[in-house]
Amino acid sequence: MTPFHGVNCDFGESFGIFRTGDDEGIAPYVQWANIACGFHGGDPLTMRRTVRLCMAHGHRIGAHPSLPDHTGFGRREMKIAPEDLRDNLIYQIGALKGFLDAEGGALNHVKLHGVIYSMSGRDEGLAEAVCDAVESFGVALVGIAGSKTEAAAIRRGIPFVREFYVDLGVDAEGKWIVEKRKPIDLDWLERRLRQALATGQIEAESGGHRYPALFESVGIHLDMPNAAEVAARVAQVLREHPAGGTPPG
């Protein structure tokens, strides 16, 4: 049986005096923490503070690197050569690993942030660059089933953990619907997660179309008004699932 890794969430995306997300409120419900590495959010003090928080909660800690885009929070597409992407990622992952080493922690995985997550998922050259960076640290890569990053990781023997974004809908083409952050309807979220766990599929928001939802981890976003409530509801559903949260596939 494929192991299930519970809930993963992004942490440490505040920057300087600007605060983003309720890290402390959501931490009790998470098993894997993805910590921002400074290029979309995070700074040295925030990274150390977040490492300490996540270690105190027993999280498996991963790097959450992005394109160099503070202004756009890492969510704007830009042209980047594969070798530049590789080195940008190594730079960021290495920064987090330094804080983990200093605090007696360990790097467990890498999960990309923002638009580079989807860009590398559909571009083979960028996917290989991502794997070059991840491979140099000897850790797992978190991503979406069926992506170029998954194919590259499997081909190269890099552990790949498939995730399901429970707090995002999909359109009729199977693409994630990313909107301005607003409170999530908890009943909608629960129905969606139960459907994915029971059938390995999710339904498009427009209805009529169903798409595969094969995953070993449930991903949630921290930058929404009711993130802690979302995390608590997800944790409740996973506890009630007869297979202990293990999804089909």
C-alpha atoms as a PDB file:
ATOM      1  CA  MET A   1       0.000   0.000   0.000  1.00  0.00           C
ATOM      2  CA  THR A   2       1.307   3.466  -0.926  1.00  0.00           C
ATOM      3  CA  PRO A   3       2.058   5.453   2.252  1.00  0.00           C
ATOM      4  CA  PHE A   4      -0.108   8.486   2.946  1.00  0.00           C
ATOM      5  CA  HIS A   5       1.618  11.577   4.281  1.00  0.00           C
ATOM      6  CA  GLY A   6      -1.335  13.548   5.626  1.00  0.00           C
ATOM      7  CA  VAL A   7      -1.668  17.307   5.197  1.00  0.00           C
ATOM      8  CA  ASN A   8       1.002  19.608   3.791  1.00  0.00           C
ATOM      9  CA  CYS A   9       0.887  23.384   4.020  1.00  0.00           C
ATOM     10  CA  ASP A  10       3.081  26.366   3.176  1.00  0.00           C
ATOM     11  CA  PHE A  11       4.640  28.247   6.091  1.00  0.00           C
ATOM     12  CA  GLY A  12       6.892  31.236   6.691  1.00  0.00           C
ATOM     13  CA  GLU A  13       5.615  33.412   3.846  1.00  0.00           C
ATOM     14  CA  SER A  14       5.703  36.619   5.894  1.00  0.00           C
ATOM     15  CA  PHE A  15       8.404  39.149   5.030  1.00  0.00           C
ATOM     16  CA  GLY A  16       9.890  41.676   7.422  1.00  0.00           C
ATOM     17  CA  ILE A  17       7.076  43.548   9.172  1.00  0.00           C
ATOM     18  CA  PHE A  18       4.453  42.179   6.771  1.00  0.00           C
ATOM     19  CA  ARG A  19       2.523  39.157   8.023  1.00  0.00           C
ATOM     20  CA  THR A  20       0.905  36.530   5.814  1.00  0.00           C
ATOM     21  CA  GLY A  21      -1.024  33.539   7.100  1.00  0.00           C
ATOM     22  CA  ASP A  22      -1.773  32.049  10.509  1.00  0.00           C
ATOM     23  CA  ASP A  23       1.247  29.762  10.916  1.00  0.00           C
ATOM     24  CA  GLU A  24       0.637  29.116  14.612  1.00  0.00           C
ATOM     25  CA  GLY A  25      -3.077  28.420  14.166  1.00  0.00           C
ATOM     26  CA  ILE A  26      -2.676  25.858  11.420  1.00  0.00           C
ATOM     27  CA  ALA A  27       0.457  24.094  12.692  1.00  0.00           C
ATOM     28  CA  PRO A  28      -1.359  21.529  14.913  1.00  0.00           C
ATOM     29  CA  TYR A  29      -3.216  20.078  11.905  1.00  0.00           C
ATOM     30  CA  VAL A  30      -0.280  19.617   9.533  1.00  0.00           C
ATOM     31  CA  GLN A  31       2.198  16.774   9.057  1.00  0.00           C
ATOM     32  CA  TRP A  32       4.424  18.244   6.325  1.00  0.00           C
ATOM     33  CA  ALA A  33       5.497  21.911   6.335  1.00  0.00           C
ATOM     34  CA  ASN A  34       6.781  23.707   3.235  1.00  0.00           C
ATOM     35  CA  ILE A  35       8.826  26.731   4.344  1.00  0.00           C
ATOM     36  CA  ALA A  36       9.291  29.754   2.077  1.00  0.00           C
ATOM     37  CA  CYS A  37      12.906  30.414   1.156  1.00  0.00           C
ATOM     38  CA  GLY A  38      13.058  34.169   0.585  1.00  0.00           C
ATOM     39  CA  PHE A  39      12.234  34.727  -3.090  1.00  0.00           C
ATOM     40  CA  HIS A  40       8.435  35.227  -2.754  1.00  0.00           C
ATOM     41  CA  GLY A  41       8.140  35.387   1.017  1.00  0.00           C
ATOM     42  CA  GLY A  42      10.285  34.689   4.019  1.00  0.00           C
ATOM     43  CA  ASP A  43      13.458  36.317   5.287  1.00  0.00           C
ATOM     44  CA  PRO A  44      16.259  35.108   7.586  1.00  0.00           C
ATOM     45  CA  LEU A  45      14.446  35.861  10.856  1.00  0.00           C
ATOM     46  CA  THR A  46      11.159  34.456   9.565  1.00  0.00           C
ATOM     47  CA  MET A  47      12.867  31.300   8.308  1.00  0.00           C
ATOM     48  CA  ARG A  48      14.520  30.562  11.649  1.00  0.00           C
ATOM     49  CA  ARG A  49      11.331  31.313  13.592  1.00  0.00           C
ATOM     50  CA  THR A  50       9.305  29.087  11.260  1.00  0.00           C
ATOM     51  CA  VAL A  51      11.807  26.231  11.452  1.00  0.00           C
ATOM     52  CA  ARG A  52      11.533  26.343  15.245  1.00  0.00           C
ATOM     53  CA  LEU A  53       7.721  26.388  15.107  1.00  0.00           C
ATOM     54  CA  CYS A  54       7.528  23.441  12.717  1.00  0.00           C
ATOM     55  CA  MET A  55      10.105  21.410  14.615  1.00  0.00           C
ATOM     56  CA  ALA A  56       8.158  21.982  17.838  1.00  0.00           C
ATOM     57  CA  HIS A  57       5.101  20.450  16.149  1.00  0.00           C
ATOM     58  CA  GLY A  58       7.037  17.485  14.800  1.00  0.00           C
ATOM     59  CA  HIS A  59       6.527  18.392  11.153  1.00  0.00           C
ATOM     60  CA  ARG A  60       8.535  16.944   8.319  1.00  0.00           C
ATOM     61  CA  ILE A  61      10.042  20.100   6.881  1.00  0.00           C
ATOM     62  CA  GLY A  62      10.554  20.914   3.231  1.00  0.00           C
ATOM     63  CA  ALA A  63      11.728  23.856   1.163  1.00  0.00           C
ATOM     64  CA  HIS A  64       9.165  25.989  -0.687  1.00  0.00           C
ATOM     65  CA  PRO A  65      11.206  27.857  -3.319  1.00  0.00           C
ATOM     66  CA  SER A  66       9.831  30.102  -6.054  1.00  0.00           C
ATOM     67  CA  LEU A  67      10.767  32.319  -8.943  1.00  0.00           C
ATOM     68  CA  PRO A  68      12.477  35.556  -7.797  1.00  0.00           C
ATOM     69  CA  ASP A  69       9.274  37.604  -7.522  1.00  0.00           C
ATOM     70  CA  HIS A  70       8.565  39.357  -4.228  1.00  0.00           C
ATOM     71  CA  THR A  71       6.190  41.876  -5.797  1.00  0.00           C
ATOM     72  CA  GLY A  72       4.026  39.224  -7.436  1.00  0.00           C
ATOM     73  CA  PHE A  73       4.390  36.691  -4.599  1.00  0.00           C
ATOM     74  CA  GLY A  74       5.924  34.220  -7.026  1.00  0.00           C
ATOM     75  CA  ARG A  75       2.721  33.991  -9.059  1.00  0.00           C
ATOM     76  CA  ARG A  76       3.756  35.800 -12.250  1.00  0.00           C
ATOM     77  CA  GLU A  77       5.165  33.865 -15.192  1.00  0.00           C
ATOM     78  CA  MET A  78       8.616  34.864 -16.406  1.00  0.00           C
ATOM     79  CA  LYS A  79      11.071  33.453 -18.888  1.00  0.00           C
ATOM     80  CA  ILE A  80      13.869  31.564 -17.186  1.00  0.00           C
ATOM     81  CA  ALA A  81      16.498  29.232 -18.602  1.00  0.00           C
ATOM     82  CA  PRO A  82      16.609  25.748 -17.075  1.00  0.00           C
ATOM     83  CA  GLU A  83      20.124  26.257 -15.698  1.00  0.00           C
ATOM     84  CA  ASP A  84      19.062  29.562 -14.097  1.00  0.00           C
ATOM     85  CA  LEU A  85      16.057  27.893 -12.516  1.00  0.00           C
ATOM     86  CA  ARG A  86      18.225  25.063 -11.206  1.00  0.00           C
ATOM     87  CA  ASP A  87      20.636  27.455  -9.519  1.00  0.00           C
ATOM     88  CA  ASN A  88      17.863  29.691  -8.138  1.00  0.00           C
ATOM     89  CA  LEU A  89      16.311  26.619  -6.537  1.00  0.00           C
ATOM     90  CA  ILE A  90      19.594  25.302  -5.126  1.00  0.00           C
ATOM     91  CA  TYR A  91      20.263  28.755  -3.626  1.00  0.00           C
ATOM     92  CA  GLN A  92      16.892  28.833  -1.850  1.00  0.00           C
ATOM     93  CA  ILE A  93      16.832  25.210  -0.712  1.00  0.00           C
ATOM     94  CA  GLY A  94      20.362  25.604   0.611  1.00  0.00           C
ATOM     95  CA  ALA A  95      19.298  28.626   2.663  1.00  0.00           C
ATOM     96  CA  LEU A  96      16.570  26.655   4.411  1.00  0.00           C
ATOM     97  CA  LYS A  97      18.852  23.679   4.923  1.00  0.00           C
ATOM     98  CA  GLY A  98      21.309  25.994   6.664  1.00  0.00           C
ATOM     99  CA  PHE A  99      18.678  26.982   9.229  1.00  0.00           C
ATOM    100  CA  LEU A 100      17.616  23.362   9.664  1.00  0.00           C
ATOM    101  CA  ASP A 101      21.224  22.352  10.289  1.00  0.00           C
ATOM    102  CA  ALA A 102      21.581  25.174  12.818  1.00  0.00           C
ATOM    103  CA  GLU A 103      18.455  24.032  14.691  1.00  0.00           C
ATOM    104  CA  GLY A 104      19.204  20.311  14.547  1.00  0.00           C
ATOM    105  CA  GLY A 105      16.512  19.562  11.968  1.00  0.00           C
ATOM    106  CA  ALA A 106      16.504  17.748   8.643  1.00  0.00           C
ATOM    107  CA  LEU A 107      15.336  18.614   5.136  1.00  0.00           C
ATOM    108  CA  ASN A 108      12.620  16.162   4.053  1.00  0.00           C
ATOM    109  CA  HIS A 109      11.300  17.402   0.710  1.00  0.00           C
ATOM    110  CA  VAL A 110      10.880  20.223  -1.784  1.00  0.00           C
ATOM    111  CA  LYS A 111       7.582  21.675  -2.978  1.00  0.00           C
ATOM    112  CA  LEU A 112       7.646  24.478  -5.528  1.00  0.00           C
ATOM    113  CA  HIS A 113       5.666  27.665  -4.941  1.00  0.00           C
ATOM    114  CA  GLY A 114       3.412  29.588  -7.270  1.00  0.00           C
ATOM    115  CA  VAL A 115       3.665  29.705 -11.015  1.00  0.00           C
ATOM    116  CA  ILE A 116       6.898  27.714 -11.325  1.00  0.00           C
ATOM    117  CA  TYR A 117       4.950  24.753  -9.910  1.00  0.00           C
ATOM    118  CA  SER A 118       2.710  24.737 -12.992  1.00  0.00           C
ATOM    119  CA  MET A 119       5.372  25.934 -15.462  1.00  0.00           C
ATOM    120  CA  SER A 120       7.681  23.036 -14.632  1.00  0.00           C
ATOM    121  CA  GLY A 121       4.702  20.704 -14.630  1.00  0.00           C
ATOM    122  CA  ARG A 122       4.201  21.254 -18.348  1.00  0.00           C
ATOM    123  CA  ASP A 123       7.757  22.021 -19.572  1.00  0.00           C
ATOM    124  CA  GLU A 124      10.180  19.099 -19.703  1.00  0.00           C
ATOM    125  CA  GLY A 125      13.305  21.269 -19.625  1.00  0.00           C
ATOM    126  CA  LEU A 126      12.171  23.106 -16.503  1.00  0.00           C
ATOM    127  CA  ALA A 127      11.065  19.822 -14.930  1.00  0.00           C
ATOM    128  CA  GLU A 128      14.566  18.415 -15.431  1.00  0.00           C
ATOM    129  CA  ALA A 129      16.047  21.568 -13.878  1.00  0.00           C
ATOM    130  CA  VAL A 130      13.807  21.123 -10.840  1.00  0.00           C
ATOM    131  CA  CYS A 131      14.957  17.522 -10.519  1.00  0.00           C
ATOM    132  CA  ASP A 132      18.604  18.590 -10.860  1.00  0.00           C
ATOM    133  CA  ALA A 133      18.150  20.856  -7.840  1.00  0.00           C
ATOM    134  CA  VAL A 134      16.154  18.397  -5.745  1.00  0.00           C
ATOM    135  CA  GLU A 135      18.491  15.508  -6.545  1.00  0.00           C
ATOM    136  CA  SER A 136      21.470  17.429  -5.199  1.00  0.00           C
ATOM    137  CA  PHE A 137      19.839  17.413  -1.740  1.00  0.00           C
ATOM    138  CA  GLY A 138      18.681  13.789  -1.843  1.00  0.00           C
ATOM    139  CA  VAL A 139      15.086  14.506  -0.792  1.00  0.00           C
ATOM    140  CA  ALA A 140      11.561  13.947  -2.133  1.00  0.00           C
ATOM    141  CA  LEU A 141       9.674  16.223  -4.532  1.00  0.00           C
ATOM    142  CA  VAL A 142       6.005  17.091  -3.967  1.00  0.00           C
ATOM    143  CA  GLY A 143       3.813  17.774  -6.991  1.00  0.00           C
ATOM    144  CA  ILE A 144       0.815  16.878  -9.121  1.00  0.00           C
ATOM    145  CA  ALA A 145       0.123  13.475 -10.656  1.00  0.00           C
ATOM    146  CA  GLY A 146       0.536  13.395 -14.424  1.00  0.00           C
ATOM    147  CA  SER A 147       2.902  16.383 -14.569  1.00  0.00           C
ATOM    148  CA  LYS A 148       6.249  16.648 -16.350  1.00  0.00           C
ATOM    149  CA  THR A 149       7.871  16.982 -12.937  1.00  0.00           C
ATOM    150  CA  GLU A 150       6.422  13.653 -11.848  1.00  0.00           C
ATOM    151  CA  ALA A 151       7.642  11.965 -15.038  1.00  0.00           C
ATOM    152  CA  ALA A 152      11.145  13.420 -14.669  1.00  0.00           C
ATOM    153  CA  ALA A 153      11.363  12.483 -10.987  1.00  0.00           C
ATOM    154  CA  ILE A 154      10.240   8.899 -11.589  1.00  0.00           C
ATOM    155  CA  ARG A 155      12.646   8.522 -14.497  1.00  0.00           C
ATOM    156  CA  ARG A 156      15.525   9.674 -12.283  1.00  0.00           C
ATOM    157  CA  GLY A 157      14.577   7.732  -9.174  1.00  0.00           C
ATOM    158  CA  ILE A 158      13.632  10.787  -7.110  1.00  0.00           C
ATOM    159  CA  PRO A 159      10.843  10.037  -4.599  1.00  0.00           C
ATOM    160  CA  PHE A 160       7.715  11.840  -5.818  1.00  0.00           C
ATOM    161  CA  VAL A 161       4.789  12.584  -3.512  1.00  0.00           C
ATOM    162  CA  ARG A 162       1.564  13.370  -5.360  1.00  0.00           C
ATOM    163  CA  GLU A 163      -0.673  15.964  -3.747  1.00  0.00           C
ATOM    164  CA  PHE A 164      -4.290  17.056  -4.022  1.00  0.00           C
ATOM    165  CA  TYR A 165      -5.235  20.715  -3.538  1.00  0.00           C
ATOM    166  CA  VAL A 166      -8.423  20.299  -1.558  1.00  0.00           C
ATOM    167  CA  ASP A 167      -9.075  24.055  -1.318  1.00  0.00           C
ATOM    168  CA  LEU A 168      -8.986  24.765  -5.074  1.00  0.00           C
ATOM    169  CA  GLY A 169     -11.641  23.867  -7.614  1.00  0.00           C
ATOM    170  CA  VAL A 170     -10.914  22.733 -11.171  1.00  0.00           C
ATOM    171  CA  ASP A 171     -12.385  24.084 -14.398  1.00  0.00           C
ATOM    172  CA  ALA A 172     -13.815  22.119 -17.336  1.00  0.00           C
ATOM    173  CA  GLU A 173     -10.276  21.564 -18.681  1.00  0.00           C
ATOM    174  CA  GLY A 174      -9.039  20.130 -15.383  1.00  0.00           C
ATOM    175  CA  LYS A 175      -6.974  23.214 -14.483  1.00  0.00           C
ATOM    176  CA  TRP A 176      -6.823  24.586 -10.946  1.00  0.00           C
ATOM    177  CA  ILE A 177      -8.992  27.653 -10.336  1.00  0.00           C
ATOM    178  CA  VAL A 178      -6.801  30.140  -8.459  1.00  0.00           C
ATOM    179  CA  GLU A 179      -8.807  33.136  -7.255  1.00  0.00           C
ATOM    180  CA  LYS A 180      -8.255  35.977  -4.845  1.00  0.00           C
ATOM    181  CA  ARG A 181      -8.173  34.374  -1.433  1.00  0.00           C
ATOM    182  CA  LYS A 182     -11.558  34.288   0.280  1.00  0.00           C
ATOM    183  CA  PRO A 183     -13.038  32.113   3.039  1.00  0.00           C
ATOM    184  CA  ILE A 184     -13.488  28.504   1.930  1.00  0.00           C
ATOM    185  CA  ASP A 185     -16.929  26.898   2.222  1.00  0.00           C
ATOM    186  CA  LEU A 186     -16.157  24.071   4.651  1.00  0.00           C
ATOM    187  CA  ASP A 187     -19.062  21.890   3.504  1.00  0.00           C
ATOM    188  CA  TRP A 188     -17.918  22.203  -0.129  1.00  0.00           C
ATOM    189  CA  LEU A 189     -14.409  21.333   0.955  1.00  0.00           C
ATOM    190  CA  GLU A 190     -15.533  18.252   2.892  1.00  0.00           C
ATOM    191  CA  ARG A 191     -17.649  16.944  -0.006  1.00  0.00           C
ATOM    192  CA  ARG A 192     -14.742  17.433  -2.367  1.00  0.00           C
ATOM    193  CA  LEU A 193     -12.244  15.628  -0.126  1.00  0.00           C
ATOM    194  CA  ARG A 194     -14.605  12.729   0.581  1.00  0.00           C
ATOM    195  CA  GLN A 195     -15.251  12.311  -3.152  1.00  0.00           C
ATOM    196  CA  ALA A 196     -11.529  12.242  -3.902  1.00  0.00           C
ATOM    197  CA  LEU A 197     -10.824   9.737  -1.128  1.00  0.00           C
ATOM    198  CA  ALA A 198     -13.694   7.455  -2.131  1.00  0.00           C
ATOM    199  CA  THR A 199     -13.351   7.531  -5.929  1.00  0.00           C
ATOM    200  CA  GLY A 200      -9.924   8.921  -6.827  1.00  0.00           C
ATOM    201  CA  GLN A 201     -11.687  11.595  -8.875  1.00  0.00           C
ATOM    202  CA  ILE A 202     -12.911  15.164  -8.523  1.00  0.00           C
ATOM    203  CA  GLU A 203     -15.681  16.952 -10.385  1.00  0.00           C
ATOM    204  CA  ALA A 204     -15.176  20.204 -12.287  1.00  0.00           C
ATOM    205  CA  GLU A 205     -16.890  23.223 -10.761  1.00  0.00           C
ATOM    206  CA  SER A 206     -19.012  23.562 -13.900  1.00  0.00           C
ATOM    207  CA  GLY A 207     -20.199  19.970 -13.461  1.00  0.00           C
ATOM    208  CA  GLY A 208     -20.211  17.126 -15.939  1.00  0.00           C
ATOM    209  CA  HIS A 209     -16.466  16.503 -16.099  1.00  0.00           C
ATOM    210  CA  ARG A 210     -14.476  14.368 -13.675  1.00  0.00           C
ATOM    211  CA  TYR A 211     -10.702  14.255 -13.380  1.00  0.00           C
ATOM    212  CA  PRO A 212      -8.285  11.904 -11.607  1.00  0.00           C
ATOM    213  CA  ALA A 213      -7.256  12.821  -8.059  1.00  0.00           C
ATOM    214  CA  LEU A 214      -4.448  10.427  -7.182  1.00  0.00           C
ATOM    215  CA  PHE A 215      -2.438  11.580  -4.191  1.00  0.00           C
ATOM    216  CA  GLU A 216      -0.375  10.741  -1.131  1.00  0.00           C
ATOM    217  CA  SER A 217      -0.790  14.126   0.557  1.00  0.00           C
ATOM    218  CA  VAL A 218      -3.480  16.792   0.851  1.00  0.00           C
ATOM    219  CA  GLY A 219      -2.251  20.325   0.186  1.00  0.00           C
ATOM    220  CA  ILE A 220      -3.874  23.407   1.694  1.00  0.00           C
ATOM    221  CA  HIS A 221      -3.019  27.085   1.379  1.00  0.00           C
ATOM    222  CA  LEU A 222      -2.199  29.233   4.387  1.00  0.00           C
ATOM    223  CA  ASP A 223      -3.120  32.596   2.819  1.00  0.00           C
ATOM    224  CA  MET A 224      -6.907  32.374   3.180  1.00  0.00           C
ATOM    225  CA  PRO A 225      -9.011  33.932   5.943  1.00  0.00           C
ATOM    226  CA  ASN A 226     -10.200  30.632   7.468  1.00  0.00           C
ATOM    227  CA  ALA A 227      -7.121  28.482   6.866  1.00  0.00           C
ATOM    228  CA  ALA A 228      -7.086  27.049  10.401  1.00  0.00           C
ATOM    229  CA  GLU A 229     -10.740  25.978  10.082  1.00  0.00           C
ATOM    230  CA  VAL A 230      -9.965  24.408   6.704  1.00  0.00           C
ATOM    231  CA  ALA A 231      -7.057  22.483   8.197  1.00  0.00           C
ATOM    232  CA  ALA A 232      -9.167  21.289  11.128  1.00  0.00           C
ATOM    233  CA  ARG A 233     -11.944  20.038   8.828  1.00  0.00           C
ATOM    234  CA  VAL A 234      -9.470  18.251   6.556  1.00  0.00           C
ATOM    235  CA  ALA A 235      -7.853  16.590   9.572  1.00  0.00           C
ATOM    236  CA  GLN A 236     -11.279  15.462  10.811  1.00  0.00           C
ATOM    237  CA  VAL A 237     -12.204  13.887   7.457  1.00  0.00           C
ATOM    238  CA  LEU A 238      -8.866  12.100   7.201  1.00  0.00           C
ATOM    239  CA  ARG A 239      -9.270  10.679  10.709  1.00  0.00           C
ATOM    240  CA  GLU A 240     -12.680   9.304   9.747  1.00  0.00           C
ATOM    241  CA  HIS A 241     -11.554   7.761   6.475  1.00  0.00           C
ATOM    242  CA  PRO A 242     -11.621   3.951   6.818  1.00  0.00           C
ATOM    243  CA  ALA A 243      -8.166   3.499   5.299  1.00  0.00           C
ATOM    244  CA  GLY A 244      -6.624   6.025   7.659  1.00  0.00           C
ATOM    245  CA  GLY A 245      -6.455   8.639   4.939  1.00  0.00           C
ATOM    246  CA  THR A 246      -4.968   6.420   2.241  1.00  0.00           C
ATOM    247  CA  PRO A 247      -6.536   7.493  -1.068  1.00  0.00           C
ATOM    248  CA  PRO A 248      -7.161   5.197  -4.035  1.00  0.00           C
ATOM    249  CA  GLY A 249      -4.405   4.855  -6.620  1.00  0.00           C
END
